Amino acid sequence: MTETSPASLSAVQAKVQLRREIRRRRQQLTPHYRAQAMRAIARHASAQLRKGRRIGAYLASGSELDLDILLNQALWRKANIYLPQIPQRGRRLWFSRVGAANLWYLHPRYHIIEYAGPRLRAEQLDILLIPLLAVDPQGYRMGQGGGFYDTSLAFKLRHPCHRRPLLVGVAYDCQRVAQLPRERWDIQLDYLLTESGWHRFAKS
């Protein structure tokens, strides 16, 4: 039996506490503020929503920043939108292309909406818009703790010169924190996109 050290226990507790605090911050945002942020995000991202570009995105869950306006604008401009699809086994995500057909379904285990379109892996996308709970000034994110994005983007650690996709965290400004606990498998973002605009991270 492996004992948990006080240091690792305190690190886990710190993450739990931080996740609770950031969720509280997000939930306190008013509907009016959320709607303004949603429009601002779409406006800031407008130049990236080009015809034929393969853009990985997400459907907001709970208090996450909603991308509906951005996604509709991208589809209108004939960009290709890919949404995450959780595999039956493992944690490496597929990304499924959204089309005109009604191929939406509810994931039986996680109860999130997915789309059953043609699939590809993260490394085949041009841009990946990534949800997060918190992000620090170095561009490291804290997610929900499932490890799906870490696993799906592990190739970035094995092959640091792999340029695609551009990794863009999406969040409210209130989700930015001074420092996050960091693990060896954490992937650094290229940019953060918030209601105040684009924030670029220097590569470490």
C-alpha atoms as a PDB file:
ATOM      1  CA  MET A   1       0.000   0.000   0.000  1.00  0.00           C
ATOM      2  CA  THR A   2       1.380   3.405  -1.053  1.00  0.00           C
ATOM      3  CA  GLU A   3       1.056   6.188   1.479  1.00  0.00           C
ATOM      4  CA  THR A   4       0.153   9.692   0.389  1.00  0.00           C
ATOM      5  CA  SER A   5       2.729  12.215   1.536  1.00  0.00           C
ATOM      6  CA  PRO A   6       1.612  15.401   3.341  1.00  0.00           C
ATOM      7  CA  ALA A   7       3.069  17.452   0.468  1.00  0.00           C
ATOM      8  CA  SER A   8       1.048  15.667  -2.231  1.00  0.00           C
ATOM      9  CA  LEU A   9      -2.057  15.754  -0.054  1.00  0.00           C
ATOM     10  CA  SER A  10      -1.721  19.517   0.432  1.00  0.00           C
ATOM     11  CA  ALA A  11      -1.233  19.964  -3.351  1.00  0.00           C
ATOM     12  CA  VAL A  12      -4.455  18.057  -4.020  1.00  0.00           C
ATOM     13  CA  GLN A  13      -6.285  20.105  -1.390  1.00  0.00           C
ATOM     14  CA  ALA A  14      -4.932  23.329  -2.926  1.00  0.00           C
ATOM     15  CA  LYS A  15      -6.317  22.312  -6.341  1.00  0.00           C
ATOM     16  CA  VAL A  16      -9.709  21.418  -4.889  1.00  0.00           C
ATOM     17  CA  GLN A  17      -9.850  24.755  -3.088  1.00  0.00           C
ATOM     18  CA  LEU A  18      -8.796  26.703  -6.176  1.00  0.00           C
ATOM     19  CA  ARG A  19     -11.348  24.950  -8.390  1.00  0.00           C
ATOM     20  CA  ARG A  20     -14.051  25.800  -5.855  1.00  0.00           C
ATOM     21  CA  GLU A  21     -12.972  29.464  -5.754  1.00  0.00           C
ATOM     22  CA  ILE A  22     -12.863  29.894  -9.551  1.00  0.00           C
ATOM     23  CA  ARG A  23     -16.255  28.245  -9.988  1.00  0.00           C
ATOM     24  CA  ARG A  24     -17.628  30.656  -7.383  1.00  0.00           C
ATOM     25  CA  ARG A  25     -16.184  33.615  -9.315  1.00  0.00           C
ATOM     26  CA  ARG A  26     -17.724  32.443 -12.578  1.00  0.00           C
ATOM     27  CA  GLN A  27     -21.105  31.755 -11.052  1.00  0.00           C
ATOM     28  CA  GLN A  28     -21.236  35.290  -9.630  1.00  0.00           C
ATOM     29  CA  LEU A  29     -21.065  36.851 -13.113  1.00  0.00           C
ATOM     30  CA  THR A  30     -24.409  38.359 -14.116  1.00  0.00           C
ATOM     31  CA  PRO A  31     -26.329  37.180 -17.213  1.00  0.00           C
ATOM     32  CA  HIS A  32     -25.773  40.645 -18.735  1.00  0.00           C
ATOM     33  CA  TYR A  33     -22.008  40.380 -18.233  1.00  0.00           C
ATOM     34  CA  ARG A  34     -21.958  36.865 -19.692  1.00  0.00           C
ATOM     35  CA  ALA A  35     -23.845  38.022 -22.804  1.00  0.00           C
ATOM     36  CA  GLN A  36     -21.426  40.918 -23.294  1.00  0.00           C
ATOM     37  CA  ALA A  37     -18.438  38.601 -22.877  1.00  0.00           C
ATOM     38  CA  MET A  38     -19.897  36.165 -25.396  1.00  0.00           C
ATOM     39  CA  ARG A  39     -20.170  38.936 -28.013  1.00  0.00           C
ATOM     40  CA  ALA A  40     -16.706  40.287 -27.167  1.00  0.00           C
ATOM     41  CA  ILE A  41     -15.105  36.860 -27.590  1.00  0.00           C
ATOM     42  CA  ALA A  42     -16.664  36.464 -31.050  1.00  0.00           C
ATOM     43  CA  ARG A  43     -15.502  39.955 -32.027  1.00  0.00           C
ATOM     44  CA  HIS A  44     -11.929  39.375 -30.854  1.00  0.00           C
ATOM     45  CA  ALA A  45     -11.734  36.013 -32.643  1.00  0.00           C
ATOM     46  CA  SER A  46     -13.279  37.266 -35.872  1.00  0.00           C
ATOM     47  CA  ALA A  47     -10.026  37.488 -37.869  1.00  0.00           C
ATOM     48  CA  GLN A  48      -9.228  33.825 -37.114  1.00  0.00           C
ATOM     49  CA  LEU A  49     -12.550  32.450 -38.397  1.00  0.00           C
ATOM     50  CA  ARG A  50     -11.437  31.908 -41.989  1.00  0.00           C
ATOM     51  CA  LYS A  51     -12.933  29.730 -44.697  1.00  0.00           C
ATOM     52  CA  GLY A  52     -11.584  26.196 -44.626  1.00  0.00           C
ATOM     53  CA  ARG A  53      -9.735  26.578 -41.332  1.00  0.00           C
ATOM     54  CA  ARG A  54     -10.108  23.608 -38.979  1.00  0.00           C
ATOM     55  CA  ILE A  55     -11.116  24.979 -35.590  1.00  0.00           C
ATOM     56  CA  GLY A  56     -11.549  22.781 -32.542  1.00  0.00           C
ATOM     57  CA  ALA A  57     -14.006  24.248 -30.041  1.00  0.00           C
ATOM     58  CA  TYR A  58     -16.371  23.200 -27.251  1.00  0.00           C
ATOM     59  CA  LEU A  59     -19.982  23.541 -26.144  1.00  0.00           C
ATOM     60  CA  ALA A  60     -20.131  25.399 -22.833  1.00  0.00           C
ATOM     61  CA  SER A  61     -21.100  23.437 -19.749  1.00  0.00           C
ATOM     62  CA  GLY A  62     -22.269  24.998 -16.498  1.00  0.00           C
ATOM     63  CA  SER A  63     -20.722  28.439 -16.013  1.00  0.00           C
ATOM     64  CA  GLU A  64     -18.126  28.140 -18.821  1.00  0.00           C
ATOM     65  CA  LEU A  65     -17.841  31.006 -21.295  1.00  0.00           C
ATOM     66  CA  ASP A  66     -20.315  30.322 -24.109  1.00  0.00           C
ATOM     67  CA  LEU A  67     -18.978  30.190 -27.695  1.00  0.00           C
ATOM     68  CA  ASP A  68     -22.327  30.049 -29.515  1.00  0.00           C
ATOM     69  CA  ILE A  69     -21.956  33.411 -31.297  1.00  0.00           C
ATOM     70  CA  LEU A  70     -18.358  32.641 -32.264  1.00  0.00           C
ATOM     71  CA  LEU A  71     -19.281  29.176 -33.590  1.00  0.00           C
ATOM     72  CA  ASN A  72     -22.224  30.469 -35.630  1.00  0.00           C
ATOM     73  CA  GLN A  73     -20.026  33.181 -37.097  1.00  0.00           C
ATOM     74  CA  ALA A  74     -17.331  30.626 -37.971  1.00  0.00           C
ATOM     75  CA  LEU A  75     -19.821  28.312 -39.680  1.00  0.00           C
ATOM     76  CA  TRP A  76     -21.311  31.243 -41.625  1.00  0.00           C
ATOM     77  CA  ARG A  77     -17.788  32.011 -42.900  1.00  0.00           C
ATOM     78  CA  LYS A  78     -17.386  28.342 -43.891  1.00  0.00           C
ATOM     79  CA  ALA A  79     -14.726  27.520 -41.330  1.00  0.00           C
ATOM     80  CA  ASN A  80     -14.771  23.868 -40.245  1.00  0.00           C
ATOM     81  CA  ILE A  81     -15.827  23.437 -36.614  1.00  0.00           C
ATOM     82  CA  TYR A  82     -14.794  20.321 -34.706  1.00  0.00           C
ATOM     83  CA  LEU A  83     -16.195  19.450 -31.284  1.00  0.00           C
ATOM     84  CA  PRO A  84     -14.609  17.052 -28.760  1.00  0.00           C
ATOM     85  CA  GLN A  85     -15.815  13.480 -28.683  1.00  0.00           C
ATOM     86  CA  ILE A  86     -14.930  11.398 -25.621  1.00  0.00           C
ATOM     87  CA  PRO A  87     -13.682   7.901 -26.558  1.00  0.00           C
ATOM     88  CA  GLN A  88     -15.203   4.731 -25.144  1.00  0.00           C
ATOM     89  CA  ARG A  89     -11.781   3.805 -23.767  1.00  0.00           C
ATOM     90  CA  GLY A  90      -8.857   5.972 -22.736  1.00  0.00           C
ATOM     91  CA  ARG A  91      -8.679   9.755 -22.568  1.00  0.00           C
ATOM     92  CA  ARG A  92      -7.442  10.767 -26.005  1.00  0.00           C
ATOM     93  CA  LEU A  93     -10.184  12.906 -27.533  1.00  0.00           C
ATOM     94  CA  TRP A  94     -11.484  12.734 -31.059  1.00  0.00           C
ATOM     95  CA  PHE A  95     -12.740  15.946 -32.659  1.00  0.00           C
ATOM     96  CA  SER A  96     -15.878  15.598 -34.761  1.00  0.00           C
ATOM     97  CA  ARG A  97     -16.759  17.968 -37.615  1.00  0.00           C
ATOM     98  CA  VAL A  98     -20.134  19.691 -37.261  1.00  0.00           C
ATOM     99  CA  GLY A  99     -22.338  19.504 -40.361  1.00  0.00           C
ATOM    100  CA  ALA A 100     -25.886  20.267 -41.432  1.00  0.00           C
ATOM    101  CA  ALA A 101     -27.273  16.846 -40.489  1.00  0.00           C
ATOM    102  CA  ASN A 102     -28.906  16.371 -37.090  1.00  0.00           C
ATOM    103  CA  LEU A 103     -26.308  13.995 -35.629  1.00  0.00           C
ATOM    104  CA  TRP A 104     -26.333  15.326 -32.061  1.00  0.00           C
ATOM    105  CA  TYR A 105     -26.465  12.906 -29.161  1.00  0.00           C
ATOM    106  CA  LEU A 106     -25.926  12.801 -25.404  1.00  0.00           C
ATOM    107  CA  HIS A 107     -22.827  11.007 -24.140  1.00  0.00           C
ATOM    108  CA  PRO A 108     -24.164   8.085 -22.058  1.00  0.00           C
ATOM    109  CA  ARG A 109     -21.632   8.458 -19.238  1.00  0.00           C
ATOM    110  CA  TYR A 110     -20.735  12.156 -19.036  1.00  0.00           C
ATOM    111  CA  HIS A 111     -24.130  13.489 -20.210  1.00  0.00           C
ATOM    112  CA  ILE A 112     -22.623  16.125 -22.497  1.00  0.00           C
ATOM    113  CA  ILE A 113     -23.802  16.888 -26.030  1.00  0.00           C
ATOM    114  CA  GLU A 114     -21.589  15.527 -28.826  1.00  0.00           C
ATOM    115  CA  TYR A 115     -21.793  15.383 -32.616  1.00  0.00           C
ATOM    116  CA  ALA A 116     -21.280  12.246 -34.730  1.00  0.00           C
ATOM    117  CA  GLY A 117     -19.453  13.747 -37.697  1.00  0.00           C
ATOM    118  CA  PRO A 118     -16.168  12.857 -39.441  1.00  0.00           C
ATOM    119  CA  ARG A 119     -13.395  12.673 -36.829  1.00  0.00           C
ATOM    120  CA  LEU A 120      -9.784  13.682 -36.520  1.00  0.00           C
ATOM    121  CA  ARG A 121      -7.180  14.106 -33.793  1.00  0.00           C
ATOM    122  CA  ALA A 122      -6.057  17.346 -32.162  1.00  0.00           C
ATOM    123  CA  GLU A 123      -2.797  17.454 -34.139  1.00  0.00           C
ATOM    124  CA  GLN A 124      -4.775  17.788 -37.377  1.00  0.00           C
ATOM    125  CA  LEU A 125      -6.554  20.971 -36.254  1.00  0.00           C
ATOM    126  CA  ASP A 126      -5.344  24.482 -37.070  1.00  0.00           C
ATOM    127  CA  ILE A 127      -6.680  26.108 -33.888  1.00  0.00           C
ATOM    128  CA  LEU A 128      -7.974  24.517 -30.689  1.00  0.00           C
ATOM    129  CA  LEU A 129     -10.160  26.612 -28.364  1.00  0.00           C
ATOM    130  CA  ILE A 130      -9.795  25.013 -24.942  1.00  0.00           C
ATOM    131  CA  PRO A 131     -12.088  25.484 -21.922  1.00  0.00           C
ATOM    132  CA  LEU A 132     -10.434  25.905 -18.539  1.00  0.00           C
ATOM    133  CA  LEU A 133     -11.073  26.694 -14.903  1.00  0.00           C
ATOM    134  CA  ALA A 134      -7.973  28.800 -14.233  1.00  0.00           C
ATOM    135  CA  VAL A 135      -4.887  30.011 -16.092  1.00  0.00           C
ATOM    136  CA  ASP A 136      -1.640  31.582 -14.899  1.00  0.00           C
ATOM    137  CA  PRO A 137       0.636  34.259 -16.484  1.00  0.00           C
ATOM    138  CA  GLN A 138       2.879  31.558 -17.999  1.00  0.00           C
ATOM    139  CA  GLY A 139      -0.006  30.031 -19.959  1.00  0.00           C
ATOM    140  CA  TYR A 140      -0.591  26.899 -17.908  1.00  0.00           C
ATOM    141  CA  ARG A 141      -4.209  25.941 -17.359  1.00  0.00           C
ATOM    142  CA  MET A 142      -6.172  24.064 -14.760  1.00  0.00           C
ATOM    143  CA  GLY A 143      -9.078  22.066 -16.158  1.00  0.00           C
ATOM    144  CA  GLN A 144     -11.823  20.024 -14.572  1.00  0.00           C
ATOM    145  CA  GLY A 145      -9.355  17.300 -13.598  1.00  0.00           C
ATOM    146  CA  GLY A 146     -10.342  14.638 -16.137  1.00  0.00           C
ATOM    147  CA  GLY A 147      -7.052  14.781 -18.044  1.00  0.00           C
ATOM    148  CA  PHE A 148      -8.665  14.571 -21.501  1.00  0.00           C
ATOM    149  CA  TYR A 149      -6.905  17.618 -22.964  1.00  0.00           C
ATOM    150  CA  ASP A 150      -3.573  16.740 -21.334  1.00  0.00           C
ATOM    151  CA  THR A 151      -3.714  13.275 -22.919  1.00  0.00           C
ATOM    152  CA  SER A 152      -4.905  14.568 -26.291  1.00  0.00           C
ATOM    153  CA  LEU A 153      -2.107  17.146 -26.465  1.00  0.00           C
ATOM    154  CA  ALA A 154       0.709  14.984 -25.068  1.00  0.00           C
ATOM    155  CA  PHE A 155       2.304  14.930 -28.538  1.00  0.00           C
ATOM    156  CA  LYS A 156       3.237  18.584 -27.929  1.00  0.00           C
ATOM    157  CA  LEU A 157       5.587  17.450 -25.147  1.00  0.00           C
ATOM    158  CA  ARG A 158       7.056  14.630 -27.212  1.00  0.00           C
ATOM    159  CA  HIS A 159       7.481  16.859 -30.280  1.00  0.00           C
ATOM    160  CA  PRO A 160       7.876  20.491 -29.118  1.00  0.00           C
ATOM    161  CA  CYS A 161       8.372  21.704 -32.705  1.00  0.00           C
ATOM    162  CA  HIS A 162       4.898  20.475 -33.733  1.00  0.00           C
ATOM    163  CA  ARG A 163       3.228  23.792 -34.586  1.00  0.00           C
ATOM    164  CA  ARG A 164      -0.380  22.663 -34.945  1.00  0.00           C
ATOM    165  CA  PRO A 165      -2.785  23.299 -33.476  1.00  0.00           C
ATOM    166  CA  LEU A 166      -2.500  26.797 -32.046  1.00  0.00           C
ATOM    167  CA  LEU A 167      -3.612  26.310 -28.430  1.00  0.00           C
ATOM    168  CA  VAL A 168      -5.995  29.009 -27.252  1.00  0.00           C
ATOM    169  CA  GLY A 169      -7.470  28.924 -23.760  1.00  0.00           C
ATOM    170  CA  VAL A 170     -10.909  30.541 -23.493  1.00  0.00           C
ATOM    171  CA  ALA A 171     -12.068  32.050 -20.208  1.00  0.00           C
ATOM    172  CA  TYR A 172     -13.399  35.081 -18.387  1.00  0.00           C
ATOM    173  CA  ASP A 173     -10.807  37.508 -17.057  1.00  0.00           C
ATOM    174  CA  CYS A 174     -11.836  36.538 -13.524  1.00  0.00           C
ATOM    175  CA  GLN A 175     -10.342  33.081 -14.131  1.00  0.00           C
ATOM    176  CA  ARG A 176      -6.787  34.419 -14.408  1.00  0.00           C
ATOM    177  CA  VAL A 177      -4.693  33.661 -11.322  1.00  0.00           C
ATOM    178  CA  ALA A 178      -1.168  34.577 -10.181  1.00  0.00           C
ATOM    179  CA  GLN A 179       0.128  31.002 -10.033  1.00  0.00           C
ATOM    180  CA  LEU A 180      -1.005  27.415 -10.558  1.00  0.00           C
ATOM    181  CA  PRO A 181       0.442  24.149  -9.282  1.00  0.00           C
ATOM    182  CA  ARG A 182       2.184  22.536 -12.254  1.00  0.00           C
ATOM    183  CA  GLU A 183       2.558  18.889 -13.239  1.00  0.00           C
ATOM    184  CA  ARG A 184       5.084  17.398 -15.678  1.00  0.00           C
ATOM    185  CA  TRP A 185       2.306  16.590 -18.189  1.00  0.00           C
ATOM    186  CA  ASP A 186       0.857  20.122 -18.292  1.00  0.00           C
ATOM    187  CA  ILE A 187       0.810  21.737 -21.748  1.00  0.00           C
ATOM    188  CA  GLN A 188       1.526  25.444 -22.158  1.00  0.00           C
ATOM    189  CA  LEU A 189      -1.058  27.462 -24.086  1.00  0.00           C
ATOM    190  CA  ASP A 190      -0.071  29.766 -26.941  1.00  0.00           C
ATOM    191  CA  TYR A 191      -2.762  32.352 -26.199  1.00  0.00           C
ATOM    192  CA  LEU A 192      -5.589  33.165 -23.832  1.00  0.00           C
ATOM    193  CA  LEU A 193      -8.790  34.654 -25.244  1.00  0.00           C
ATOM    194  CA  THR A 194     -10.992  36.571 -22.782  1.00  0.00           C
ATOM    195  CA  GLU A 195     -13.601  39.301 -22.968  1.00  0.00           C
ATOM    196  CA  SER A 196     -10.744  41.845 -22.817  1.00  0.00           C
ATOM    197  CA  GLY A 197      -8.952  40.387 -25.853  1.00  0.00           C
ATOM    198  CA  TRP A 198      -5.976  38.201 -26.793  1.00  0.00           C
ATOM    199  CA  HIS A 199      -3.169  37.488 -24.315  1.00  0.00           C
ATOM    200  CA  ARG A 200      -0.009  35.897 -25.711  1.00  0.00           C
ATOM    201  CA  PHE A 201       2.283  33.684 -23.635  1.00  0.00           C
ATOM    202  CA  ALA A 202       6.058  33.611 -23.966  1.00  0.00           C
ATOM    203  CA  LYS A 203       7.224  30.055 -24.626  1.00  0.00           C
ATOM    204  CA  SER A 204       9.126  28.518 -21.725  1.00  0.00           C
END
